[in-house]
Amino acid sequence: MVTVNVLLSSINDVKNFVNIVSKYDFDIDLASGRYVVDAKSIMGIFSLDLAKPIKVEIHTEDADAIMGELKPYITA
């Protein structure tokens, strides 16, 4: 499992993020506080607090391709 933080600051960011993660077969979760949602669910993402970074949990060992695509959203 690979874990990174992302910042989705606009509706277009959320839409593009979902389009990227939906291309992959493995599970990807978003965690904000005690809430965890499926990263492939636009409605789930909008239920989170998008004002601060969100933890992304990518459930695969081979995450190089998706990490490259998510690079614009990854924050410290």
PDB file of N, CA and C in Angstrom:
ATOM      1  N   MET A   1       0.845  -1.182   0.000  1.00  0.00           N
ATOM      2  CA  MET A   1       0.000   0.000   0.000  1.00  0.00           C
ATOM      3  C   MET A   1       0.888   1.243   0.000  1.00  0.00           C
ATOM      4  N   VAL A   2       0.483   2.228  -0.787  1.00  0.00           N
ATOM      5  CA  VAL A   2       1.189   3.503  -0.872  1.00  0.00           C
ATOM      6  C   VAL A   2       0.253   4.585  -0.345  1.00  0.00           C
ATOM      7  N   THR A   3       0.775   5.492   0.474  1.00  0.00           N
ATOM      8  CA  THR A   3      -0.030   6.569   1.041  1.00  0.00           C
ATOM      9  C   THR A   3       0.610   7.921   0.723  1.00  0.00           C
ATOM     10  N   VAL A   4      -0.202   8.838   0.181  1.00  0.00           N
ATOM     11  CA  VAL A   4       0.244  10.210  -0.095  1.00  0.00           C
ATOM     12  C   VAL A   4      -0.878  11.170   0.288  1.00  0.00           C
ATOM     13  N   ASN A   5      -0.551  12.452   0.387  1.00  0.00           N
ATOM     14  CA  ASN A   5      -1.557  13.479   0.637  1.00  0.00           C
ATOM     15  C   ASN A   5      -1.793  14.260  -0.637  1.00  0.00           C
ATOM     16  N   VAL A   6      -3.060  14.564  -0.920  1.00  0.00           N
ATOM     17  CA  VAL A   6      -3.405  15.356  -2.096  1.00  0.00           C
ATOM     18  C   VAL A   6      -4.248  16.550  -1.670  1.00  0.00           C
ATOM     19  N   LEU A   7      -4.219  17.578  -2.515  1.00  0.00           N
ATOM     20  CA  LEU A   7      -5.060  18.746  -2.294  1.00  0.00           C
ATOM     21  C   LEU A   7      -5.921  18.934  -3.539  1.00  0.00           C
ATOM     22  N   LEU A   8      -7.226  18.823  -3.360  1.00  0.00           N
ATOM     23  CA  LEU A   8      -8.185  18.979  -4.459  1.00  0.00           C
ATOM     24  C   LEU A   8      -8.932  20.280  -4.199  1.00  0.00           C
ATOM     25  N   SER A   9      -8.478  21.360  -4.827  1.00  0.00           N
ATOM     26  CA  SER A   9      -8.970  22.680  -4.459  1.00  0.00           C
ATOM     27  C   SER A   9     -10.093  23.214  -5.344  1.00  0.00           C
ATOM     28  N   SER A  10     -10.468  22.483  -6.388  1.00  0.00           N
ATOM     29  CA  SER A  10     -11.559  22.958  -7.241  1.00  0.00           C
ATOM     30  C   SER A  10     -12.385  21.778  -7.737  1.00  0.00           C
ATOM     31  N   ILE A  11     -13.534  22.091  -8.303  1.00  0.00           N
ATOM     32  CA  ILE A  11     -14.400  21.044  -8.857  1.00  0.00           C
ATOM     33  C   ILE A  11     -13.684  20.322  -9.997  1.00  0.00           C
ATOM     34  N   ASN A  12     -12.954  21.071 -10.818  1.00  0.00           N
ATOM     35  CA  ASN A  12     -12.209  20.437 -11.910  1.00  0.00           C
ATOM     36  C   ASN A  12     -11.118  19.517 -11.391  1.00  0.00           C
ATOM     37  N   ASP A  13     -10.474  19.889 -10.286  1.00  0.00           N
ATOM     38  CA  ASP A  13      -9.468  19.011  -9.687  1.00  0.00           C
ATOM     39  C   ASP A  13     -10.098  17.688  -9.278  1.00  0.00           C
ATOM     40  N   VAL A  14     -11.258  17.742  -8.649  1.00  0.00           N
ATOM     41  CA  VAL A  14     -11.945  16.523  -8.218  1.00  0.00           C
ATOM     42  C   VAL A  14     -12.320  15.674  -9.433  1.00  0.00           C
ATOM     43  N   LYS A  15     -12.870  16.312 -10.453  1.00  0.00           N
ATOM     44  CA  LYS A  15     -13.277  15.584 -11.664  1.00  0.00           C
ATOM     45  C   LYS A  15     -12.077  14.914 -12.324  1.00  0.00           C
ATOM     46  N   ASN A  16     -10.987  15.639 -12.471  1.00  0.00           N
ATOM     47  CA  ASN A  16      -9.792  15.070 -13.092  1.00  0.00           C
ATOM     48  C   ASN A  16      -9.192  13.959 -12.237  1.00  0.00           C
ATOM     49  N   PHE A  17      -9.193  14.136 -10.915  1.00  0.00           N
ATOM     50  CA  PHE A  17      -8.681  13.120  -9.996  1.00  0.00           C
ATOM     51  C   PHE A  17      -9.475  11.824 -10.143  1.00  0.00           C
ATOM     52  N   VAL A  18     -10.800  11.927 -10.172  1.00  0.00           N
ATOM     53  CA  VAL A  18     -11.651  10.736 -10.309  1.00  0.00           C
ATOM     54  C   VAL A  18     -11.420  10.068 -11.660  1.00  0.00           C
ATOM     55  N   ASN A  19     -11.252  10.845 -12.719  1.00  0.00           N
ATOM     56  CA  ASN A  19     -10.970  10.265 -14.028  1.00  0.00           C
ATOM     57  C   ASN A  19      -9.661   9.487 -14.025  1.00  0.00           C
ATOM     58  N   ILE A  20      -8.654  10.001 -13.338  1.00  0.00           N
ATOM     59  CA  ILE A  20      -7.364   9.306 -13.258  1.00  0.00           C
ATOM     60  C   ILE A  20      -7.492   8.003 -12.480  1.00  0.00           C
ATOM     61  N   VAL A  21      -8.032   8.072 -11.257  1.00  0.00           N
ATOM     62  CA  VAL A  21      -8.064   6.869 -10.408  1.00  0.00           C
ATOM     63  C   VAL A  21      -9.024   5.811 -10.941  1.00  0.00           C
ATOM     64  N   SER A  22     -10.031   6.207 -11.711  1.00  0.00           N
ATOM     65  CA  SER A  22     -10.993   5.242 -12.242  1.00  0.00           C
ATOM     66  C   SER A  22     -10.380   4.342 -13.311  1.00  0.00           C
ATOM     67  N   LYS A  23      -9.250   4.727 -13.863  1.00  0.00           N
ATOM     68  CA  LYS A  23      -8.594   3.907 -14.886  1.00  0.00           C
ATOM     69  C   LYS A  23      -7.903   2.677 -14.302  1.00  0.00           C
ATOM     70  N   TYR A  24      -7.721   2.647 -13.005  1.00  0.00           N
ATOM     71  CA  TYR A  24      -6.958   1.580 -12.367  1.00  0.00           C
ATOM     72  C   TYR A  24      -7.888   0.591 -11.669  1.00  0.00           C
ATOM     73  N   ASP A  25      -7.504  -0.709 -11.717  1.00  0.00           N
ATOM     74  CA  ASP A  25      -8.350  -1.773 -11.187  1.00  0.00           C
ATOM     75  C   ASP A  25      -8.261  -1.940  -9.673  1.00  0.00           C
ATOM     76  N   PHE A  26      -7.176  -1.491  -9.055  1.00  0.00           N
ATOM     77  CA  PHE A  26      -7.016  -1.710  -7.626  1.00  0.00           C
ATOM     78  C   PHE A  26      -7.796  -0.665  -6.823  1.00  0.00           C
ATOM     79  N   ASP A  27      -7.988  -0.961  -5.534  1.00  0.00           N
ATOM     80  CA  ASP A  27      -8.746  -0.071  -4.653  1.00  0.00           C
ATOM     81  C   ASP A  27      -7.915   1.147  -4.274  1.00  0.00           C
ATOM     82  N   ILE A  28      -8.585   2.297  -4.243  1.00  0.00           N
ATOM     83  CA  ILE A  28      -7.964   3.545  -3.820  1.00  0.00           C
ATOM     84  C   ILE A  28      -8.953   4.235  -2.888  1.00  0.00           C
ATOM     85  N   ASP A  29      -8.500   4.566  -1.685  1.00  0.00           N
ATOM     86  CA  ASP A  29      -9.356   5.205  -0.694  1.00  0.00           C
ATOM     87  C   ASP A  29      -8.855   6.598  -0.376  1.00  0.00           C
ATOM     88  N   LEU A  30      -9.777   7.459   0.028  1.00  0.00           N
ATOM     89  CA  LEU A  30      -9.446   8.791   0.531  1.00  0.00           C
ATOM     90  C   LEU A  30      -9.854   8.840   1.994  1.00  0.00           C
ATOM     91  N   ALA A  31      -8.972   9.353   2.840  1.00  0.00           N
ATOM     92  CA  ALA A  31      -9.264   9.445   4.265  1.00  0.00           C
ATOM     93  C   ALA A  31      -9.097  10.885   4.727  1.00  0.00           C
ATOM     94  N   SER A  32     -10.122  11.383   5.409  1.00  0.00           N
ATOM     95  CA  SER A  32     -10.086  12.720   5.993  1.00  0.00           C
ATOM     96  C   SER A  32     -10.669  12.614   7.389  1.00  0.00           C
ATOM     97  N   GLY A  33      -9.812  12.763   8.387  1.00  0.00           N
ATOM     98  CA  GLY A  33     -10.264  12.561   9.761  1.00  0.00           C
ATOM     99  C   GLY A  33     -10.660  11.115   9.959  1.00  0.00           C
ATOM    100  N   ARG A  34     -11.879  10.900  10.423  1.00  0.00           N
ATOM    101  CA  ARG A  34     -12.329   9.515  10.634  1.00  0.00           C
ATOM    102  C   ARG A  34     -13.158   8.983   9.469  1.00  0.00           C
ATOM    103  N   TYR A  35     -13.279   9.762   8.413  1.00  0.00           N
ATOM    104  CA  TYR A  35     -14.059   9.349   7.253  1.00  0.00           C
ATOM    105  C   TYR A  35     -13.156   8.765   6.175  1.00  0.00           C
ATOM    106  N   VAL A  36     -13.591   7.658   5.585  1.00  0.00           N
ATOM    107  CA  VAL A  36     -12.882   7.029   4.473  1.00  0.00           C
ATOM    108  C   VAL A  36     -13.893   6.791   3.361  1.00  0.00           C
ATOM    109  N   VAL A  37     -13.552   7.242   2.136  1.00  0.00           N
ATOM    110  CA  VAL A  37     -14.447   7.051   0.997  1.00  0.00           C
ATOM    111  C   VAL A  37     -13.660   6.458  -0.168  1.00  0.00           C
ATOM    112  N   ASP A  38     -14.389   5.873  -1.090  1.00  0.00           N
ATOM    113  CA  ASP A  38     -13.807   5.347  -2.320  1.00  0.00           C
ATOM    114  C   ASP A  38     -13.359   6.527  -3.181  1.00  0.00           C
ATOM    115  N   ALA A  39     -12.092   6.531  -3.604  1.00  0.00           N
ATOM    116  CA  ALA A  39     -11.557   7.637  -4.393  1.00  0.00           C
ATOM    117  C   ALA A  39     -12.176   7.720  -5.781  1.00  0.00           C
ATOM    118  N   LYS A  40     -12.896   6.685  -6.201  1.00  0.00           N
ATOM    119  CA  LYS A  40     -13.528   6.668  -7.521  1.00  0.00           C
ATOM    120  C   LYS A  40     -14.941   7.240  -7.477  1.00  0.00           C
ATOM    121  N   SER A  41     -15.369   7.714  -6.315  1.00  0.00           N
ATOM    122  CA  SER A  41     -16.715   8.244  -6.114  1.00  0.00           C
ATOM    123  C   SER A  41     -16.687   9.770  -5.976  1.00  0.00           C
ATOM    124  N   ILE A  42     -17.215  10.460  -6.971  1.00  0.00           N
ATOM    125  CA  ILE A  42     -17.258  11.921  -6.909  1.00  0.00           C
ATOM    126  C   ILE A  42     -18.096  12.378  -5.712  1.00  0.00           C
ATOM    127  N   MET A  43     -19.228  11.760  -5.502  1.00  0.00           N
ATOM    128  CA  MET A  43     -20.089  12.140  -4.374  1.00  0.00           C
ATOM    129  C   MET A  43     -19.379  11.899  -3.042  1.00  0.00           C
ATOM    130  N   GLY A  44     -18.643  10.805  -2.946  1.00  0.00           N
ATOM    131  CA  GLY A  44     -17.897  10.518  -1.725  1.00  0.00           C
ATOM    132  C   GLY A  44     -16.849  11.583  -1.450  1.00  0.00           C
ATOM    133  N   ILE A  45     -16.138  12.000  -2.501  1.00  0.00           N
ATOM    134  CA  ILE A  45     -15.101  13.019  -2.332  1.00  0.00           C
ATOM    135  C   ILE A  45     -15.706  14.335  -1.864  1.00  0.00           C
ATOM    136  N   PHE A  46     -16.850  14.720  -2.430  1.00  0.00           N
ATOM    137  CA  PHE A  46     -17.472  15.978  -2.034  1.00  0.00           C
ATOM    138  C   PHE A  46     -18.040  15.938  -0.621  1.00  0.00           C
ATOM    139  N   SER A  47     -18.133  14.754  -0.014  1.00  0.00           N
ATOM    140  CA  SER A  47     -18.584  14.669   1.373  1.00  0.00           C
ATOM    141  C   SER A  47     -17.439  14.938   2.351  1.00  0.00           C
ATOM    142  N   LEU A  48     -16.206  15.033   1.835  1.00  0.00           N
ATOM    143  CA  LEU A  48     -15.039  15.281   2.677  1.00  0.00           C
ATOM    144  C   LEU A  48     -14.743  16.781   2.755  1.00  0.00           C
ATOM    145  N   ASP A  49     -13.931  17.152   3.720  1.00  0.00           N
ATOM    146  CA  ASP A  49     -13.479  18.539   3.863  1.00  0.00           C
ATOM    147  C   ASP A  49     -12.335  18.770   2.881  1.00  0.00           C
ATOM    148  N   LEU A  50     -12.612  19.458   1.779  1.00  0.00           N
ATOM    149  CA  LEU A  50     -11.621  19.664   0.731  1.00  0.00           C
ATOM    150  C   LEU A  50     -10.742  20.891   0.983  1.00  0.00           C
ATOM    151  N   ALA A  51     -10.938  21.567   2.106  1.00  0.00           N
ATOM    152  CA  ALA A  51     -10.140  22.754   2.413  1.00  0.00           C
ATOM    153  C   ALA A  51      -8.727  22.392   2.875  1.00  0.00           C
ATOM    154  N   LYS A  52      -8.530  21.148   3.273  1.00  0.00           N
ATOM    155  CA  LYS A  52      -7.209  20.714   3.724  1.00  0.00           C
ATOM    156  C   LYS A  52      -6.802  19.447   2.966  1.00  0.00           C
ATOM    157  N   PRO A  53      -5.509  19.104   3.013  1.00  0.00           N
ATOM    158  CA  PRO A  53      -5.057  17.905   2.281  1.00  0.00           C
ATOM    159  C   PRO A  53      -5.770  16.640   2.755  1.00  0.00           C
ATOM    160  N   ILE A  54      -5.950  15.718   1.822  1.00  0.00           N
ATOM    161  CA  ILE A  54      -6.637  14.451   2.076  1.00  0.00           C
ATOM    162  C   ILE A  54      -5.653  13.322   1.842  1.00  0.00           C
ATOM    163  N   LYS A  55      -5.676  12.320   2.724  1.00  0.00           N
ATOM    164  CA  LYS A  55      -4.784  11.174   2.590  1.00  0.00           C
ATOM    165  C   LYS A  55      -5.342  10.195   1.557  1.00  0.00           C
ATOM    166  N   VAL A  56      -4.495   9.799   0.606  1.00  0.00           N
ATOM    167  CA  VAL A  56      -4.865   8.819  -0.414  1.00  0.00           C
ATOM    168  C   VAL A  56      -4.145   7.513  -0.100  1.00  0.00           C
ATOM    169  N   GLU A  57      -4.903   6.428  -0.021  1.00  0.00           N
ATOM    170  CA  GLU A  57      -4.332   5.106   0.217  1.00  0.00           C
ATOM    171  C   GLU A  57      -4.519   4.277  -1.045  1.00  0.00           C
ATOM    172  N   ILE A  58      -3.411   3.961  -1.702  1.00  0.00           N
ATOM    173  CA  ILE A  58      -3.432   3.203  -2.951  1.00  0.00           C
ATOM    174  C   ILE A  58      -3.065   1.761  -2.612  1.00  0.00           C
ATOM    175  N   HIS A  59      -3.999   0.839  -2.821  1.00  0.00           N
ATOM    176  CA  HIS A  59      -3.832  -0.552  -2.397  1.00  0.00           C
ATOM    177  C   HIS A  59      -3.194  -1.395  -3.496  1.00  0.00           C
ATOM    178  N   THR A  60      -1.921  -1.108  -3.772  1.00  0.00           N
ATOM    179  CA  THR A  60      -1.128  -1.899  -4.707  1.00  0.00           C
ATOM    180  C   THR A  60       0.341  -1.640  -4.407  1.00  0.00           C
ATOM    181  N   GLU A  61       1.182  -2.551  -4.829  1.00  0.00           N
ATOM    182  CA  GLU A  61       2.619  -2.352  -4.652  1.00  0.00           C
ATOM    183  C   GLU A  61       3.235  -1.679  -5.873  1.00  0.00           C
ATOM    184  N   ASP A  62       2.534  -1.732  -7.008  1.00  0.00           N
ATOM    185  CA  ASP A  62       3.049  -1.173  -8.256  1.00  0.00           C
ATOM    186  C   ASP A  62       2.304   0.127  -8.567  1.00  0.00           C
ATOM    187  N   ALA A  63       2.651   1.185  -7.831  1.00  0.00           N
ATOM    188  CA  ALA A  63       1.907   2.442  -7.942  1.00  0.00           C
ATOM    189  C   ALA A  63       2.639   3.498  -8.761  1.00  0.00           C
ATOM    190  N   ASP A  64       3.702   3.111  -9.472  1.00  0.00           N
ATOM    191  CA  ASP A  64       4.504   4.101 -10.203  1.00  0.00           C
ATOM    192  C   ASP A  64       3.683   4.871 -11.234  1.00  0.00           C
ATOM    193  N   ALA A  65       2.866   4.178 -12.015  1.00  0.00           N
ATOM    194  CA  ALA A  65       2.090   4.827 -13.079  1.00  0.00           C
ATOM    195  C   ALA A  65       1.090   5.825 -12.502  1.00  0.00           C
ATOM    196  N   ILE A  66       0.336   5.398 -11.507  1.00  0.00           N
ATOM    197  CA  ILE A  66      -0.675   6.299 -10.939  1.00  0.00           C
ATOM    198  C   ILE A  66      -0.017   7.455 -10.185  1.00  0.00           C
ATOM    199  N   MET A  67       1.113   7.219  -9.555  1.00  0.00           N
ATOM    200  CA  MET A  67       1.800   8.302  -8.847  1.00  0.00           C
ATOM    201  C   MET A  67       2.241   9.389  -9.824  1.00  0.00           C
ATOM    202  N   GLY A  68       2.667   8.988 -11.004  1.00  0.00           N
ATOM    203  CA  GLY A  68       3.055   9.960 -12.022  1.00  0.00           C
ATOM    204  C   GLY A  68       1.878  10.818 -12.460  1.00  0.00           C
ATOM    205  N   GLU A  69       0.708  10.189 -12.604  1.00  0.00           N
ATOM    206  CA  GLU A  69      -0.491  10.926 -13.025  1.00  0.00           C
ATOM    207  C   GLU A  69      -1.033  11.827 -11.924  1.00  0.00           C
ATOM    208  N   LEU A  70      -0.857  11.427 -10.679  1.00  0.00           N
ATOM    209  CA  LEU A  70      -1.384  12.216  -9.553  1.00  0.00           C
ATOM    210  C   LEU A  70      -0.428  13.305  -9.086  1.00  0.00           C
ATOM    211  N   LYS A  71       0.744  13.370  -9.668  1.00  0.00           N
ATOM    212  CA  LYS A  71       1.779  14.324  -9.228  1.00  0.00           C
ATOM    213  C   LYS A  71       1.275  15.769  -9.067  1.00  0.00           C
ATOM    214  N   PRO A  72       0.433  16.298  -9.976  1.00  0.00           N
ATOM    215  CA  PRO A  72      -0.022  17.698  -9.788  1.00  0.00           C
ATOM    216  C   PRO A  72      -0.846  17.926  -8.513  1.00  0.00           C
ATOM    217  N   TYR A  73      -1.412  16.871  -7.951  1.00  0.00           N
ATOM    218  CA  TYR A  73      -2.286  17.007  -6.780  1.00  0.00           C
ATOM    219  C   TYR A  73      -1.590  16.669  -5.471  1.00  0.00           C
ATOM    220  N   ILE A  74      -0.423  16.034  -5.548  1.00  0.00           N
ATOM    221  CA  ILE A  74       0.276  15.583  -4.350  1.00  0.00           C
ATOM    222  C   ILE A  74       0.878  16.779  -3.617  1.00  0.00           C
ATOM    223  N   THR A  75       0.667  16.793  -2.300  1.00  0.00           N
ATOM    224  CA  THR A  75       1.192  17.848  -1.447  1.00  0.00           C
ATOM    225  C   THR A  75       1.969  17.217  -0.296  1.00  0.00           C
ATOM    226  N   ALA A  76       2.697  18.023   0.425  1.00  0.00           N
ATOM    227  CA  ALA A  76       3.544  17.508   1.520  1.00  0.00           C
ATOM    228  C   ALA A  76       2.717  17.039   2.694  1.00  0.00           C
TER     229      ALA A  76
END
